[in-house]
């Protein structure tokens, strides 16, 4: 039996108090970061390879089903507002299409040929990278997608939560983070999902920093999509220049980003 499907260490969950439930869940969650840490060398190698291709115009795709697919979409959708990149640079694809983001699409993950069909709509090139997300490491949709991508010359990686998985065997850069049995047996939205989210955070953040999308420790290319972010942008400008708040706001509104505003102020 795979690790992700193995029986929980805890019995009679339906007889536990709320206090006991959350204490035990918290104890299990604490194991996740340590399990991810053991895979840092593999994560680093994938990041280095992705950055090399994205510097040459390549894109990053995540493909997954269910929780894994949703996590990929979340990470991809946060890159434009956080780092100011186009929506076509990091793309999340889920088995069953966008309707599967909110509601499960029955048997969508079992179609081994559909992921590549979904990817071809984006005209993939050998400069692109496809990372397959599957806690089980055996989802046909994901395995079929990365296998086809590799055959067509794309870089491939994966994030799974079982050792020696079928998915890991077919990609260039496997990341297999083993977090142990889930608190609720087989519920991989829990520790496995947390592990995948932590690794996706690492990948997208490190890639974007190395692509020059962060200055110092600040999101200078973030989209100014609400007042909170405008205020944050003004504070960034004030910390880097000697202008007044009024001038900082004026320049931010005029130039559209913190980076551009600071560059413009430096020429005054």
C-alpha atoms as a PDB file:
ATOM      1  CA  UNK A   1       0.000   0.000   0.000  1.00  0.00           C
ATOM      2  CA  UNK A   2       1.243   3.513  -0.811  1.00  0.00           C
ATOM      3  CA  UNK A   3       2.176   5.842   2.031  1.00  0.00           C
ATOM      4  CA  UNK A   4      -0.566   8.317   1.147  1.00  0.00           C
ATOM      5  CA  UNK A   5      -3.197   5.568   1.388  1.00  0.00           C
ATOM      6  CA  UNK A   6      -1.858   3.919   4.544  1.00  0.00           C
ATOM      7  CA  UNK A   7      -3.904   3.949   7.733  1.00  0.00           C
ATOM      8  CA  UNK A   8      -3.858   6.961  10.042  1.00  0.00           C
ATOM      9  CA  UNK A   9      -1.837   6.742  13.238  1.00  0.00           C
ATOM     10  CA  UNK A  10      -4.962   7.834  15.092  1.00  0.00           C
ATOM     11  CA  UNK A  11      -7.994   5.686  15.822  1.00  0.00           C
ATOM     12  CA  UNK A  12     -11.637   6.471  16.656  1.00  0.00           C
ATOM     13  CA  UNK A  13     -11.490  10.049  15.339  1.00  0.00           C
ATOM     14  CA  UNK A  14     -15.256  10.321  15.648  1.00  0.00           C
ATOM     15  CA  UNK A  15     -14.932   9.890  19.411  1.00  0.00           C
ATOM     16  CA  UNK A  16     -12.361  12.640  19.966  1.00  0.00           C
ATOM     17  CA  UNK A  17     -13.088  16.130  21.269  1.00  0.00           C
ATOM     18  CA  UNK A  18     -12.444  19.207  19.123  1.00  0.00           C
ATOM     19  CA  UNK A  19      -9.453  19.996  21.332  1.00  0.00           C
ATOM     20  CA  UNK A  20      -7.980  16.544  20.761  1.00  0.00           C
ATOM     21  CA  UNK A  21      -8.625  16.659  17.027  1.00  0.00           C
ATOM     22  CA  UNK A  22      -6.870  19.950  16.434  1.00  0.00           C
ATOM     23  CA  UNK A  23      -3.982  19.036  18.738  1.00  0.00           C
ATOM     24  CA  UNK A  24      -3.337  15.817  16.816  1.00  0.00           C
ATOM     25  CA  UNK A  25      -3.738  17.543  13.438  1.00  0.00           C
ATOM     26  CA  UNK A  26      -1.241  20.178  14.531  1.00  0.00           C
ATOM     27  CA  UNK A  27       1.219  17.494  15.613  1.00  0.00           C
ATOM     28  CA  UNK A  28       0.977  15.904  12.169  1.00  0.00           C
ATOM     29  CA  UNK A  29       1.311  19.237  10.376  1.00  0.00           C
ATOM     30  CA  UNK A  30       4.595  19.926  12.143  1.00  0.00           C
ATOM     31  CA  UNK A  31       6.109  16.930  10.368  1.00  0.00           C
ATOM     32  CA  UNK A  32       5.524  18.442   6.946  1.00  0.00           C
ATOM     33  CA  UNK A  33       8.185  21.165   6.943  1.00  0.00           C
ATOM     34  CA  UNK A  34      10.845  18.681   8.030  1.00  0.00           C
ATOM     35  CA  UNK A  35       9.850  16.279   5.262  1.00  0.00           C
ATOM     36  CA  UNK A  36      10.066  19.117   2.715  1.00  0.00           C
ATOM     37  CA  UNK A  37      13.479  20.118   4.035  1.00  0.00           C
ATOM     38  CA  UNK A  38      14.819  16.659   3.179  1.00  0.00           C
ATOM     39  CA  UNK A  39      13.962  17.337  -0.458  1.00  0.00           C
ATOM     40  CA  UNK A  40      15.622  20.766  -0.766  1.00  0.00           C
ATOM     41  CA  UNK A  41      18.413  19.522  -3.084  1.00  0.00           C
ATOM     42  CA  UNK A  42      15.858  18.148  -5.552  1.00  0.00           C
ATOM     43  CA  UNK A  43      13.796  21.340  -5.321  1.00  0.00           C
ATOM     44  CA  UNK A  44      16.888  23.434  -5.986  1.00  0.00           C
ATOM     45  CA  UNK A  45      17.840  21.448  -9.072  1.00  0.00           C
ATOM     46  CA  UNK A  46      14.383  21.893 -10.551  1.00  0.00           C
ATOM     47  CA  UNK A  47      14.366  25.630  -9.834  1.00  0.00           C
ATOM     48  CA  UNK A  48      17.759  26.133 -11.503  1.00  0.00           C
ATOM     49  CA  UNK A  49      16.560  24.288 -14.607  1.00  0.00           C
ATOM     50  CA  UNK A  50      13.289  26.259 -14.750  1.00  0.00           C
ATOM     51  CA  UNK A  51      15.033  29.623 -14.389  1.00  0.00           C
ATOM     52  CA  UNK A  52      17.424  28.794 -17.226  1.00  0.00           C
ATOM     53  CA  UNK A  53      14.527  28.157 -19.589  1.00  0.00           C
ATOM     54  CA  UNK A  54      12.332  31.018 -18.442  1.00  0.00           C
ATOM     55  CA  UNK A  55      15.203  33.437 -19.028  1.00  0.00           C
ATOM     56  CA  UNK A  56      15.020  32.300 -22.650  1.00  0.00           C
ATOM     57  CA  UNK A  57      11.294  32.946 -22.863  1.00  0.00           C
ATOM     58  CA  UNK A  58      10.007  29.611 -21.599  1.00  0.00           C
ATOM     59  CA  UNK A  59       6.881  29.194 -19.515  1.00  0.00           C
ATOM     60  CA  UNK A  60       6.045  27.148 -16.440  1.00  0.00           C
ATOM     61  CA  UNK A  61       3.017  24.852 -16.448  1.00  0.00           C
ATOM     62  CA  UNK A  62       1.500  22.988 -13.527  1.00  0.00           C
ATOM     63  CA  UNK A  63      -0.793  20.059 -14.279  1.00  0.00           C
ATOM     64  CA  UNK A  64      -2.800  18.161 -11.688  1.00  0.00           C
ATOM     65  CA  UNK A  65      -6.136  16.723 -10.652  1.00  0.00           C
ATOM     66  CA  UNK A  66      -8.303  17.451  -7.634  1.00  0.00           C
ATOM     67  CA  UNK A  67      -6.524  19.126  -4.722  1.00  0.00           C
ATOM     68  CA  UNK A  68      -3.171  18.969  -6.490  1.00  0.00           C
ATOM     69  CA  UNK A  69      -4.589  20.674  -9.576  1.00  0.00           C
ATOM     70  CA  UNK A  70      -6.209  23.377  -7.477  1.00  0.00           C
ATOM     71  CA  UNK A  71      -2.952  24.069  -5.656  1.00  0.00           C
ATOM     72  CA  UNK A  72      -1.176  24.514  -8.978  1.00  0.00           C
ATOM     73  CA  UNK A  73      -3.818  26.947 -10.169  1.00  0.00           C
ATOM     74  CA  UNK A  74      -3.584  28.939  -6.935  1.00  0.00           C
ATOM     75  CA  UNK A  75       0.189  29.254  -7.246  1.00  0.00           C
ATOM     76  CA  UNK A  76       0.050  30.189 -10.920  1.00  0.00           C
ATOM     77  CA  UNK A  77      -2.733  32.736 -10.418  1.00  0.00           C
ATOM     78  CA  UNK A  78      -0.776  34.534  -7.704  1.00  0.00           C
ATOM     79  CA  UNK A  79       2.304  35.156  -9.843  1.00  0.00           C
ATOM     80  CA  UNK A  80       0.905  38.052 -11.924  1.00  0.00           C
ATOM     81  CA  UNK A  81      -0.338  40.155  -8.979  1.00  0.00           C
ATOM     82  CA  UNK A  82       2.684  39.366  -6.809  1.00  0.00           C
ATOM     83  CA  UNK A  83       5.479  39.639  -9.351  1.00  0.00           C
ATOM     84  CA  UNK A  84       3.932  41.577 -12.228  1.00  0.00           C
ATOM     85  CA  UNK A  85       4.462  38.857 -14.824  1.00  0.00           C
ATOM     86  CA  UNK A  86       1.978  38.135 -17.577  1.00  0.00           C
ATOM     87  CA  UNK A  87      -0.758  35.585 -17.052  1.00  0.00           C
ATOM     88  CA  UNK A  88       0.868  33.501 -19.791  1.00  0.00           C
ATOM     89  CA  UNK A  89       4.164  32.884 -17.935  1.00  0.00           C
ATOM     90  CA  UNK A  90       2.996  30.550 -15.161  1.00  0.00           C
ATOM     91  CA  UNK A  91      -0.101  28.502 -16.013  1.00  0.00           C
ATOM     92  CA  UNK A  92      -2.079  26.017 -13.951  1.00  0.00           C
ATOM     93  CA  UNK A  93      -4.122  23.307 -15.661  1.00  0.00           C
ATOM     94  CA  UNK A  94      -6.543  21.014 -13.834  1.00  0.00           C
ATOM     95  CA  UNK A  95      -8.101  17.749 -14.991  1.00  0.00           C
ATOM     96  CA  UNK A  96     -11.694  18.437 -15.958  1.00  0.00           C
ATOM     97  CA  UNK A  97     -11.104  22.082 -16.862  1.00  0.00           C
ATOM     98  CA  UNK A  98     -11.883  25.223 -14.906  1.00  0.00           C
ATOM     99  CA  UNK A  99     -15.188  23.810 -13.661  1.00  0.00           C
ATOM    100  CA  UNK A 100     -13.128  21.318 -11.632  1.00  0.00           C
ATOM    101  CA  UNK A 101     -11.652  24.146  -9.566  1.00  0.00           C
ATOM    102  CA  UNK A 102     -14.844  24.308  -7.504  1.00  0.00           C
ATOM    103  CA  UNK A 103     -16.495  20.957  -8.142  1.00  0.00           C
ATOM    104  CA  UNK A 104     -14.955  17.559  -8.766  1.00  0.00           C
ATOM    105  CA  UNK A 105     -15.341  16.238 -12.310  1.00  0.00           C
ATOM    106  CA  UNK A 106     -15.824  12.476 -12.167  1.00  0.00           C
ATOM    107  CA  UNK A 107     -13.066  10.324 -13.673  1.00  0.00           C
ATOM    108  CA  UNK A 108     -11.301  13.333 -15.249  1.00  0.00           C
ATOM    109  CA  UNK A 109      -8.039  12.284 -13.632  1.00  0.00           C
ATOM    110  CA  UNK A 110      -8.207   8.829 -15.244  1.00  0.00           C
ATOM    111  CA  UNK A 111      -7.722  10.068 -18.824  1.00  0.00           C
ATOM    112  CA  UNK A 112      -4.020   9.645 -19.564  1.00  0.00           C
ATOM    113  CA  UNK A 113      -4.212  11.518 -22.870  1.00  0.00           C
ATOM    114  CA  UNK A 114      -6.162  14.597 -21.860  1.00  0.00           C
ATOM    115  CA  UNK A 115      -3.406  16.569 -20.134  1.00  0.00           C
ATOM    116  CA  UNK A 116      -1.329  16.819 -23.298  1.00  0.00           C
ATOM    117  CA  UNK A 117      -4.461  17.798 -25.214  1.00  0.00           C
ATOM    118  CA  UNK A 118      -4.994  20.553 -22.653  1.00  0.00           C
ATOM    119  CA  UNK A 119      -1.381  21.667 -22.936  1.00  0.00           C
ATOM    120  CA  UNK A 120      -1.375  21.802 -26.743  1.00  0.00           C
ATOM    121  CA  UNK A 121      -3.873  24.639 -26.557  1.00  0.00           C
ATOM    122  CA  UNK A 122      -0.972  26.763 -25.294  1.00  0.00           C
ATOM    123  CA  UNK A 123       1.375  25.789 -28.164  1.00  0.00           C
ATOM    124  CA  UNK A 124       4.104  24.375 -25.900  1.00  0.00           C
ATOM    125  CA  UNK A 125       7.767  24.602 -26.922  1.00  0.00           C
ATOM    126  CA  UNK A 126      10.968  22.886 -25.710  1.00  0.00           C
ATOM    127  CA  UNK A 127      11.734  25.994 -23.647  1.00  0.00           C
ATOM    128  CA  UNK A 128       8.681  25.337 -21.462  1.00  0.00           C
ATOM    129  CA  UNK A 129       8.546  23.328 -18.245  1.00  0.00           C
ATOM    130  CA  UNK A 130       5.722  21.067 -17.060  1.00  0.00           C
ATOM    131  CA  UNK A 131       5.511  20.127 -13.385  1.00  0.00           C
ATOM    132  CA  UNK A 132       3.087  17.326 -12.612  1.00  0.00           C
ATOM    133  CA  UNK A 133       1.318  17.494  -9.263  1.00  0.00           C
ATOM    134  CA  UNK A 134      -0.059  14.286  -7.780  1.00  0.00           C
ATOM    135  CA  UNK A 135       0.144  13.325  -4.130  1.00  0.00           C
ATOM    136  CA  UNK A 136      -0.339   9.665  -5.021  1.00  0.00           C
ATOM    137  CA  UNK A 137       2.236   9.777  -7.798  1.00  0.00           C
ATOM    138  CA  UNK A 138       0.050   7.585  -9.962  1.00  0.00           C
ATOM    139  CA  UNK A 139      -2.644   9.840 -11.454  1.00  0.00           C
ATOM    140  CA  UNK A 140      -3.026   8.890 -15.145  1.00  0.00           C
ATOM    141  CA  UNK A 141      -3.871  12.449 -16.251  1.00  0.00           C
ATOM    142  CA  UNK A 142      -0.626  13.750 -14.765  1.00  0.00           C
ATOM    143  CA  UNK A 143       1.620  10.858 -15.778  1.00  0.00           C
ATOM    144  CA  UNK A 144       0.333  10.957 -19.346  1.00  0.00           C
ATOM    145  CA  UNK A 145       0.828  14.712 -19.505  1.00  0.00           C
ATOM    146  CA  UNK A 146       4.444  14.790 -18.342  1.00  0.00           C
ATOM    147  CA  UNK A 147       5.339  11.734 -20.420  1.00  0.00           C
ATOM    148  CA  UNK A 148       4.072  13.413 -23.593  1.00  0.00           C
ATOM    149  CA  UNK A 149       5.704  16.711 -22.632  1.00  0.00           C
ATOM    150  CA  UNK A 150       9.050  14.982 -22.196  1.00  0.00           C
ATOM    151  CA  UNK A 151       8.694  13.231 -25.549  1.00  0.00           C
ATOM    152  CA  UNK A 152       8.165  16.628 -27.196  1.00  0.00           C
ATOM    153  CA  UNK A 153      11.307  18.029 -25.572  1.00  0.00           C
ATOM    154  CA  UNK A 154       9.859  19.998 -22.661  1.00  0.00           C
ATOM    155  CA  UNK A 155      11.525  19.968 -19.251  1.00  0.00           C
ATOM    156  CA  UNK A 156       9.511  17.914 -16.765  1.00  0.00           C
ATOM    157  CA  UNK A 157       9.299  17.735 -12.990  1.00  0.00           C
ATOM    158  CA  UNK A 158       6.832  16.537 -10.393  1.00  0.00           C
ATOM    159  CA  UNK A 159       5.753  16.865  -6.789  1.00  0.00           C
ATOM    160  CA  UNK A 160       4.389  13.680  -5.250  1.00  0.00           C
ATOM    161  CA  UNK A 161       4.157  12.264  -1.743  1.00  0.00           C
ATOM    162  CA  UNK A 162       5.030   8.611  -2.303  1.00  0.00           C
ATOM    163  CA  UNK A 163       8.559   7.248  -2.748  1.00  0.00           C
ATOM    164  CA  UNK A 164       9.557   5.628  -6.031  1.00  0.00           C
ATOM    165  CA  UNK A 165       6.308   6.712  -7.662  1.00  0.00           C
ATOM    166  CA  UNK A 166       5.251   5.991 -11.229  1.00  0.00           C
ATOM    167  CA  UNK A 167       5.121   9.750 -11.798  1.00  0.00           C
ATOM    168  CA  UNK A 168       8.627  10.316 -10.455  1.00  0.00           C
ATOM    169  CA  UNK A 169       9.969   7.639 -12.767  1.00  0.00           C
ATOM    170  CA  UNK A 170       8.957   9.458 -15.955  1.00  0.00           C
ATOM    171  CA  UNK A 171      10.084  13.059 -15.239  1.00  0.00           C
ATOM    172  CA  UNK A 172      13.470  14.754 -15.422  1.00  0.00           C
ATOM    173  CA  UNK A 173      13.296  16.273 -11.944  1.00  0.00           C
ATOM    174  CA  UNK A 174      11.201  14.297  -9.434  1.00  0.00           C
ATOM    175  CA  UNK A 175      10.413  15.700  -6.001  1.00  0.00           C
ATOM    176  CA  UNK A 176       8.964  13.031  -3.739  1.00  0.00           C
ATOM    177  CA  UNK A 177       8.237  14.375  -0.265  1.00  0.00           C
ATOM    178  CA  UNK A 178       7.011  11.659   2.084  1.00  0.00           C
ATOM    179  CA  UNK A 179       4.929  13.097   4.914  1.00  0.00           C
ATOM    180  CA  UNK A 180       3.514   9.824   6.220  1.00  0.00           C
ATOM    181  CA  UNK A 181      -0.089   8.683   6.653  1.00  0.00           C
ATOM    182  CA  UNK A 182      -2.771  11.353   6.676  1.00  0.00           C
ATOM    183  CA  UNK A 183      -4.680  12.187   9.878  1.00  0.00           C
ATOM    184  CA  UNK A 184      -7.841  11.070   8.096  1.00  0.00           C
ATOM    185  CA  UNK A 185      -6.747   7.999   6.159  1.00  0.00           C
ATOM    186  CA  UNK A 186      -6.183   8.854   2.499  1.00  0.00           C
ATOM    187  CA  UNK A 187      -7.181  12.533   2.806  1.00  0.00           C
ATOM    188  CA  UNK A 188      -4.260  13.960   0.855  1.00  0.00           C
ATOM    189  CA  UNK A 189      -5.689  17.479   0.978  1.00  0.00           C
ATOM    190  CA  UNK A 190      -4.129  17.558   4.471  1.00  0.00           C
ATOM    191  CA  UNK A 191      -0.379  16.914   4.953  1.00  0.00           C
ATOM    192  CA  UNK A 192       0.284  16.032   1.328  1.00  0.00           C
ATOM    193  CA  UNK A 193      -1.504  19.158   0.150  1.00  0.00           C
ATOM    194  CA  UNK A 194       0.413  21.263   2.650  1.00  0.00           C
ATOM    195  CA  UNK A 195       3.707  19.807   1.440  1.00  0.00           C
ATOM    196  CA  UNK A 196       2.811  20.512  -2.180  1.00  0.00           C
ATOM    197  CA  UNK A 197       1.836  24.083  -1.314  1.00  0.00           C
ATOM    198  CA  UNK A 198       5.118  24.691   0.531  1.00  0.00           C
ATOM    199  CA  UNK A 199       7.127  23.409  -2.417  1.00  0.00           C
ATOM    200  CA  UNK A 200       5.105  25.406  -4.939  1.00  0.00           C
ATOM    201  CA  UNK A 201       5.763  28.511  -2.838  1.00  0.00           C
ATOM    202  CA  UNK A 202       9.482  27.762  -3.022  1.00  0.00           C
ATOM    203  CA  UNK A 203       9.492  27.131  -6.747  1.00  0.00           C
ATOM    204  CA  UNK A 204       7.511  30.157  -7.898  1.00  0.00           C
ATOM    205  CA  UNK A 205       9.073  32.572  -5.409  1.00  0.00           C
ATOM    206  CA  UNK A 206      12.664  31.516  -6.040  1.00  0.00           C
ATOM    207  CA  UNK A 207      12.125  31.486  -9.808  1.00  0.00           C
ATOM    208  CA  UNK A 208      10.599  34.959  -9.822  1.00  0.00           C
ATOM    209  CA  UNK A 209      13.347  36.382  -7.597  1.00  0.00           C
ATOM    210  CA  UNK A 210      16.001  34.942  -9.890  1.00  0.00           C
ATOM    211  CA  UNK A 211      14.170  36.418 -12.869  1.00  0.00           C
ATOM    212  CA  UNK A 212      14.608  39.846 -11.257  1.00  0.00           C
ATOM    213  CA  UNK A 213      11.027  40.300 -10.092  1.00  0.00           C
ATOM    214  CA  UNK A 214      11.998  41.272  -6.525  1.00  0.00           C
ATOM    215  CA  UNK A 215      14.304  44.117  -5.498  1.00  0.00           C
ATOM    216  CA  UNK A 216      15.934  43.620  -2.120  1.00  0.00           C
ATOM    217  CA  UNK A 217      13.054  41.934  -0.364  1.00  0.00           C
ATOM    218  CA  UNK A 218      10.236  43.918  -1.938  1.00  0.00           C
ATOM    219  CA  UNK A 219       7.615  43.143  -4.609  1.00  0.00           C
ATOM    220  CA  UNK A 220       8.477  46.123  -6.780  1.00  0.00           C
ATOM    221  CA  UNK A 221       6.553  44.762  -9.788  1.00  0.00           C
ATOM    222  CA  UNK A 222       3.331  43.860  -7.945  1.00  0.00           C
ATOM    223  CA  UNK A 223       0.027  44.855  -9.506  1.00  0.00           C
ATOM    224  CA  UNK A 224      -1.662  47.782  -7.777  1.00  0.00           C
ATOM    225  CA  UNK A 225      -5.055  46.133  -7.654  1.00  0.00           C
ATOM    226  CA  UNK A 226      -6.396  47.572  -4.393  1.00  0.00           C
ATOM    227  CA  UNK A 227      -5.806  50.387  -1.932  1.00  0.00           C
ATOM    228  CA  UNK A 228      -3.789  48.190   0.438  1.00  0.00           C
ATOM    229  CA  UNK A 229      -1.287  47.461  -2.329  1.00  0.00           C
ATOM    230  CA  UNK A 230      -1.161  51.107  -3.380  1.00  0.00           C
ATOM    231  CA  UNK A 231      -0.328  52.051   0.220  1.00  0.00           C
ATOM    232  CA  UNK A 232       2.319  49.341   0.331  1.00  0.00           C
ATOM    233  CA  UNK A 233       3.786  50.648  -2.908  1.00  0.00           C
ATOM    234  CA  UNK A 234       3.964  54.175  -1.544  1.00  0.00           C
ATOM    235  CA  UNK A 235       5.813  52.925   1.531  1.00  0.00           C
ATOM    236  CA  UNK A 236       8.303  51.096  -0.682  1.00  0.00           C
ATOM    237  CA  UNK A 237       8.976  54.268  -2.642  1.00  0.00           C
ATOM    238  CA  UNK A 238       9.411  56.297   0.541  1.00  0.00           C
ATOM    239  CA  UNK A 239      11.911  53.773   1.877  1.00  0.00           C
ATOM    240  CA  UNK A 240      14.022  54.039  -1.294  1.00  0.00           C
ATOM    241  CA  UNK A 241      13.800  57.780  -2.039  1.00  0.00           C
ATOM    242  CA  UNK A 242      13.629  61.175  -0.328  1.00  0.00           C
ATOM    243  CA  UNK A 243      10.357  62.359  -1.857  1.00  0.00           C
ATOM    244  CA  UNK A 244       7.210  63.215   0.085  1.00  0.00           C
ATOM    245  CA  UNK A 245       4.260  60.844   0.379  1.00  0.00           C
ATOM    246  CA  UNK A 246       2.279  63.008  -2.029  1.00  0.00           C
ATOM    247  CA  UNK A 247       5.006  62.822  -4.674  1.00  0.00           C
ATOM    248  CA  UNK A 248       5.414  59.075  -4.126  1.00  0.00           C
ATOM    249  CA  UNK A 249       1.707  58.514  -4.692  1.00  0.00           C
ATOM    250  CA  UNK A 250       1.699  60.740  -7.753  1.00  0.00           C
ATOM    251  CA  UNK A 251       4.640  58.931  -9.316  1.00  0.00           C
ATOM    252  CA  UNK A 252       3.188  55.522  -8.481  1.00  0.00           C
ATOM    253  CA  UNK A 253      -0.099  56.398 -10.154  1.00  0.00           C
ATOM    254  CA  UNK A 254       1.706  57.869 -13.148  1.00  0.00           C
ATOM    255  CA  UNK A 255       4.142  55.018 -13.773  1.00  0.00           C
ATOM    256  CA  UNK A 256       2.073  52.062 -12.617  1.00  0.00           C
ATOM    257  CA  UNK A 257       4.641  50.151 -10.581  1.00  0.00           C
ATOM    258  CA  UNK A 258       7.005  50.680  -7.688  1.00  0.00           C
ATOM    259  CA  UNK A 259      10.018  49.837  -9.835  1.00  0.00           C
ATOM    260  CA  UNK A 260       9.111  52.301 -12.565  1.00  0.00           C
ATOM    261  CA  UNK A 261       8.235  55.013 -10.042  1.00  0.00           C
ATOM    262  CA  UNK A 262      11.605  54.667  -8.263  1.00  0.00           C
ATOM    263  CA  UNK A 263      13.449  54.718 -11.571  1.00  0.00           C
ATOM    264  CA  UNK A 264      11.597  57.861 -12.625  1.00  0.00           C
ATOM    265  CA  UNK A 265      12.273  59.585  -9.304  1.00  0.00           C
ATOM    266  CA  UNK A 266      15.997  58.799  -9.612  1.00  0.00           C
ATOM    267  CA  UNK A 267      16.128  60.894 -12.795  1.00  0.00           C
ATOM    268  CA  UNK A 268      14.476  63.958 -11.271  1.00  0.00           C
END
